[in-house]
Amino acid sequence: MTRNKGSHIHIDAELWHFQLNRKELFCASINSNNSVYLNGVTEAISEYAHLSFTLLMDLSLWHRRLAHHNYADVKKMLRTNMVTGMVLNSSHKPDPVCEPCLAGTMHSNPFLSSPSHAKSSLELVHTDLHGPLPVKLYHGYQYWIVFIDGCSLHKATMLLKRKSDTFNAFRTYKAWAENHFRAKIQALQDDKSGEYMSNAFIKFTQDCGIKRWHTTHNRPQQNGVAESANRTLSNDITAMLSESHLPPLL
């Protein structure tokens, strides 16, 4: 506070006084054990993304907080009020070159989109598993799986601890998606990896009348919708890791 905000702190026998421009902002009492507690009360308020901050809420900060999402979409979120509590308090223009973004995307190769698309919700669901990650997450997760509705392109992502959790993840997605879209999954497209080909998985899809579409082995471009979603996630995560000076994802 003193170094970055220019605040002044005055200490007497009973209080710490925090001042800015000769005005007292708040104070803290010193108890008999020489511990200091801020004087004030905690109010119950709604949670917002901008509730607590020390940096200017400019376009560049929102770009970084939203996993280095492109500036055009961030501006659209603000303009159309797509996100509750998302505000700008600075008109500072962002740097046109974002080094973490370059670190996250400069090595990626494009995946071509399919020329045909599903015409109704859950007519075709694309899926792909990514991992294992080089470092397990705090709760032991080391994979993620994506499910994409071929009509709306709605994406659902789940974290997994083991490849063998893929079947349970699909059952969870099926229950959610069919309730949400009020339709039944008609076909599932995957890369025919072992996690999708267990006897339990095959029997479940057969019992539910779900068609299975498989791409050619080692031809990820044929599963371009799911692979593209995984690439986007990987790029965004790599950008955030690069900005935090943490080891890369891949």
Protein backbone atom coordinates (compact mmCIF):
# COMPACT_ATOMS: atom_id res chain seq x y z
CA MET A 1 0.00 0.00 0.00
CA THR A 2 2.78 2.45 0.84
CA ARG A 3 4.93 1.56 -2.15
CA ASN A 4 2.28 1.15 -4.86
CA LYS A 5 -0.60 3.35 -3.66
CA GLY A 6 1.21 6.12 -1.81
CA SER A 7 -0.56 5.42 1.48
CA HIS A 8 0.77 6.52 4.88
CA ILE A 9 0.57 4.44 8.04
CA HIS A 10 0.71 6.03 11.49
CA ILE A 11 0.94 3.84 14.60
CA ASP A 12 0.18 4.92 18.15
CA ALA A 13 -0.33 2.92 21.35
CA GLU A 14 -3.83 1.70 20.43
CA LEU A 15 -4.37 2.07 16.69
CA TRP A 16 -2.86 1.76 13.26
CA HIS A 17 -4.07 4.61 11.02
CA PHE A 18 -4.10 4.11 7.24
CA GLN A 19 -4.15 7.44 5.40
CA LEU A 20 -4.18 8.57 1.77
CA ASN A 21 -3.93 12.21 0.72
CA ARG A 22 -4.21 13.20 4.41
CA LYS A 23 -7.54 11.42 4.71
CA GLU A 24 -7.97 8.39 6.94
CA LEU A 25 -9.13 5.36 4.98
CA PHE A 26 -9.51 2.94 7.90
CA CYS A 27 -7.84 1.98 11.13
CA ALA A 28 -6.95 -1.17 13.06
CA SER A 29 -6.96 -1.74 16.81
CA ILE A 30 -4.01 -3.20 18.72
CA ASN A 31 -5.03 -5.64 21.45
CA SER A 32 -3.17 -6.66 24.61
CA ASN A 33 -1.28 -9.38 22.72
CA ASN A 34 0.00 -6.82 20.21
CA SER A 35 -2.15 -8.34 17.47
CA VAL A 36 -3.81 -5.95 15.04
CA TYR A 37 -7.40 -6.28 13.76
CA LEU A 38 -9.11 -4.08 11.19
CA ASN A 39 -12.02 -2.11 12.62
CA GLY A 40 -15.19 -2.76 10.64
CA VAL A 41 -17.91 -5.27 9.85
CA THR A 42 -18.40 -7.84 7.10
CA GLU A 43 -21.46 -7.38 4.94
CA ALA A 44 -23.12 -10.17 2.99
CA ILE A 45 -22.99 -9.17 -0.69
CA SER A 46 -23.36 -10.89 -4.04
CA GLU A 47 -20.27 -12.34 -5.64
CA TYR A 48 -18.95 -10.63 -8.72
CA ALA A 49 -15.86 -11.19 -10.80
CA HIS A 50 -14.68 -7.61 -10.14
CA LEU A 51 -15.54 -7.57 -6.42
CA SER A 52 -11.97 -7.34 -5.10
CA PHE A 53 -9.16 -5.93 -7.18
CA THR A 54 -5.95 -3.94 -6.91
CA LEU A 55 -5.40 -3.47 -10.65
CA LEU A 56 -7.27 -1.27 -13.08
CA MET A 57 -10.22 -3.14 -14.58
CA ASP A 58 -9.22 -2.56 -18.18
CA LEU A 59 -9.63 -4.65 -21.32
CA SER A 60 -6.21 -6.22 -20.90
CA LEU A 61 -7.04 -7.50 -17.39
CA TRP A 62 -10.31 -9.08 -18.55
CA HIS A 63 -8.46 -10.65 -21.49
CA ARG A 64 -6.05 -12.34 -19.05
CA ARG A 65 -8.75 -13.34 -16.56
CA LEU A 66 -10.79 -15.01 -19.31
CA ALA A 67 -7.93 -17.39 -20.24
CA HIS A 68 -6.55 -14.93 -22.84
CA HIS A 69 -9.77 -14.97 -24.84
CA ASN A 70 -9.68 -12.77 -27.95
CA TYR A 71 -10.33 -9.05 -27.43
CA ALA A 72 -13.25 -8.90 -29.87
CA ASP A 73 -15.29 -11.41 -27.85
CA VAL A 74 -14.33 -9.76 -24.55
CA LYS A 75 -15.63 -6.45 -25.93
CA LYS A 76 -18.84 -8.19 -27.04
CA MET A 77 -19.34 -9.61 -23.52
CA LEU A 78 -19.09 -6.08 -22.13
CA ARG A 79 -21.22 -4.45 -24.81
CA THR A 80 -24.09 -6.94 -24.57
CA ASN A 81 -23.90 -7.50 -20.77
CA MET A 82 -23.34 -11.24 -21.22
CA VAL A 83 -21.53 -11.50 -17.87
CA THR A 84 -22.96 -10.23 -14.58
CA GLY A 85 -20.76 -7.66 -12.85
CA MET A 86 -18.23 -7.30 -15.69
CA VAL A 87 -17.23 -3.63 -15.86
CA LEU A 88 -14.41 -1.42 -17.12
CA ASN A 89 -13.02 1.44 -15.07
CA SER A 90 -10.19 2.27 -17.45
CA SER A 91 -10.07 3.04 -21.17
CA HIS A 92 -6.40 2.08 -21.39
CA LYS A 93 -5.75 0.32 -24.70
CA PRO A 94 -4.21 -3.17 -24.44
CA ASP A 95 -0.80 -4.04 -25.84
CA PRO A 96 -1.39 -5.40 -29.36
CA VAL A 97 1.22 -8.12 -28.72
CA CYS A 98 0.42 -10.52 -25.86
CA GLU A 99 3.42 -12.76 -25.20
CA PRO A 100 1.48 -15.44 -23.23
CA CYS A 101 -0.95 -15.68 -26.17
CA LEU A 102 1.97 -16.27 -28.50
CA ALA A 103 3.32 -18.94 -26.18
CA GLY A 104 -0.06 -20.65 -26.17
CA THR A 105 -0.77 -20.59 -29.91
CA MET A 106 2.39 -20.15 -31.99
CA HIS A 107 3.02 -23.90 -32.32
CA SER A 108 -0.56 -24.99 -32.99
CA ASN A 109 -1.63 -26.45 -36.33
CA PRO A 110 -5.15 -25.83 -37.65
CA PHE A 111 -7.78 -28.56 -37.69
CA LEU A 112 -10.19 -28.29 -40.58
CA SER A 113 -13.88 -28.11 -39.78
CA SER A 114 -16.30 -30.59 -41.29
CA PRO A 115 -18.32 -29.12 -44.18
CA SER A 116 -21.51 -30.74 -42.82
CA HIS A 117 -23.15 -30.17 -39.46
CA ALA A 118 -25.92 -31.79 -37.46
CA LYS A 119 -29.29 -30.18 -38.05
CA SER A 120 -30.80 -30.86 -34.61
CA SER A 121 -29.59 -30.97 -31.02
CA LEU A 122 -27.73 -34.16 -30.03
CA GLU A 123 -28.09 -35.60 -33.54
CA LEU A 124 -24.31 -36.07 -33.34
CA VAL A 125 -22.00 -35.61 -30.33
CA HIS A 126 -18.25 -35.28 -30.86
CA THR A 127 -15.90 -36.33 -28.07
CA ASP A 128 -12.19 -36.56 -27.35
CA LEU A 129 -9.95 -37.28 -24.34
CA HIS A 130 -6.82 -35.24 -23.61
CA GLY A 131 -3.96 -36.32 -21.35
CA PRO A 132 -2.29 -37.41 -19.27
CA LEU A 133 -1.05 -34.01 -18.11
CA PRO A 134 2.63 -33.83 -17.08
CA VAL A 135 1.61 -32.83 -13.54
CA LYS A 136 -1.51 -34.03 -11.73
CA LEU A 137 -3.94 -31.38 -10.52
CA TYR A 138 -4.45 -30.82 -6.79
CA HIS A 139 -7.29 -33.36 -6.55
CA GLY A 140 -5.51 -35.95 -8.70
CA TYR A 141 -7.04 -35.11 -12.08
CA GLN A 142 -4.75 -35.67 -15.06
CA TYR A 143 -7.16 -35.91 -18.02
CA TRP A 144 -9.98 -33.85 -19.45
CA ILE A 145 -12.71 -34.97 -21.84
CA VAL A 146 -14.85 -32.79 -24.11
CA PHE A 147 -18.32 -33.42 -25.52
CA ILE A 148 -19.57 -31.12 -28.31
CA ASP A 149 -23.12 -31.03 -29.66
CA GLY A 150 -22.79 -31.03 -33.45
CA CYS A 151 -25.75 -28.67 -33.94
CA SER A 152 -25.29 -25.91 -31.36
CA LEU A 153 -21.53 -26.58 -30.88
CA HIS A 154 -22.17 -26.38 -27.14
CA LYS A 155 -19.07 -27.70 -25.37
CA ALA A 156 -18.97 -29.59 -22.07
CA THR A 157 -15.66 -30.38 -20.38
CA MET A 158 -15.03 -32.77 -17.48
CA LEU A 159 -11.89 -33.51 -15.49
CA LEU A 160 -10.93 -37.17 -15.06
CA LYS A 161 -8.46 -38.95 -12.82
CA ARG A 162 -8.15 -42.04 -15.02
CA LYS A 163 -8.84 -43.00 -18.63
CA SER A 164 -11.22 -45.63 -17.35
CA ASP A 165 -13.49 -42.84 -16.05
CA THR A 166 -14.45 -42.00 -19.65
CA PHE A 167 -17.54 -44.24 -19.64
CA ASN A 168 -18.93 -42.70 -16.44
CA ALA A 169 -18.21 -39.24 -17.83
CA PHE A 170 -20.25 -40.03 -20.94
CA ARG A 171 -23.19 -41.33 -18.87
CA THR A 172 -23.09 -38.13 -16.79
CA TYR A 173 -23.00 -35.98 -19.94
CA LYS A 174 -25.82 -37.99 -21.56
CA ALA A 175 -28.10 -37.48 -18.55
CA TRP A 176 -27.37 -33.73 -18.42
CA ALA A 177 -27.51 -33.08 -22.16
CA GLU A 178 -30.73 -35.01 -22.82
CA ASN A 179 -32.43 -33.18 -19.96
CA HIS A 180 -31.07 -29.81 -21.07
CA PHE A 181 -31.74 -30.13 -24.81
CA ARG A 182 -34.89 -32.24 -24.37
CA ALA A 183 -33.62 -34.65 -27.02
CA LYS A 184 -31.88 -38.01 -27.20
CA ILE A 185 -28.28 -38.55 -28.29
CA GLN A 186 -28.49 -40.22 -31.70
CA ALA A 187 -24.80 -40.70 -32.59
CA LEU A 188 -21.40 -40.43 -30.91
CA GLN A 189 -18.16 -39.75 -32.80
CA ASP A 190 -14.77 -40.60 -31.24
CA ASP A 191 -11.27 -41.61 -32.28
CA LYS A 192 -11.78 -45.30 -31.36
CA SER A 193 -9.26 -45.13 -28.52
CA GLY A 194 -9.40 -47.86 -25.89
CA GLU A 195 -11.29 -45.71 -23.38
CA TYR A 196 -14.25 -45.56 -25.81
CA MET A 197 -14.20 -49.24 -26.75
CA SER A 198 -14.79 -51.05 -23.45
CA ASN A 199 -17.47 -53.74 -23.44
CA ALA A 200 -19.54 -51.73 -20.95
CA PHE A 201 -19.34 -48.60 -23.13
CA ILE A 202 -20.32 -50.46 -26.31
CA LYS A 203 -23.21 -52.30 -24.62
CA PHE A 204 -24.53 -49.08 -23.07
CA THR A 205 -24.63 -47.23 -26.39
CA GLN A 206 -26.23 -50.25 -28.08
CA ASP A 207 -28.92 -50.47 -25.39
CA CYS A 208 -29.61 -46.74 -25.81
CA GLY A 209 -29.75 -47.00 -29.61
CA ILE A 210 -26.78 -44.64 -30.07
CA LYS A 211 -24.85 -45.01 -33.32
CA ARG A 212 -21.07 -45.14 -33.03
CA TRP A 213 -18.90 -43.29 -35.52
CA HIS A 214 -15.14 -43.82 -35.34
CA THR A 215 -12.35 -41.93 -37.09
CA THR A 216 -9.26 -43.55 -38.60
CA HIS A 217 -6.46 -44.33 -36.14
CA ASN A 218 -3.83 -41.55 -35.88
CA ARG A 219 -5.93 -39.21 -38.04
CA PRO A 220 -7.06 -36.57 -35.49
CA GLN A 221 -8.17 -34.21 -38.28
CA GLN A 222 -11.10 -36.55 -38.98
CA ASN A 223 -12.36 -35.77 -35.47
CA GLY A 224 -11.73 -32.09 -36.09
CA VAL A 225 -14.57 -30.63 -33.99
CA ALA A 226 -13.41 -32.31 -30.77
CA GLU A 227 -9.71 -31.94 -31.57
CA SER A 228 -10.19 -28.22 -32.25
CA ALA A 229 -11.95 -27.81 -28.89
CA ASN A 230 -9.07 -29.58 -27.15
CA ARG A 231 -6.56 -27.39 -28.98
CA THR A 232 -8.40 -24.25 -27.86
CA LEU A 233 -8.39 -25.42 -24.23
CA SER A 234 -4.71 -26.37 -24.46
CA ASN A 235 -3.77 -23.00 -25.99
CA ASP A 236 -5.65 -21.02 -23.32
CA ILE A 237 -4.16 -23.05 -20.47
CA THR A 238 -0.65 -22.74 -21.94
CA ALA A 239 -1.07 -18.96 -22.19
CA MET A 240 -2.12 -18.71 -18.52
CA LEU A 241 0.76 -20.98 -17.40
CA SER A 242 3.23 -18.90 -19.43
CA GLU A 243 2.03 -15.65 -17.85
CA SER A 244 2.35 -17.25 -14.38
CA HIS A 245 5.87 -18.53 -15.20
CA LEU A 246 4.79 -22.14 -14.60
CA PRO A 247 5.90 -25.22 -16.60
CA PRO A 248 4.10 -25.67 -19.94
CA LEU A 249 1.14 -28.00 -20.33
CA LEU A 250 2.67 -30.08 -23.14
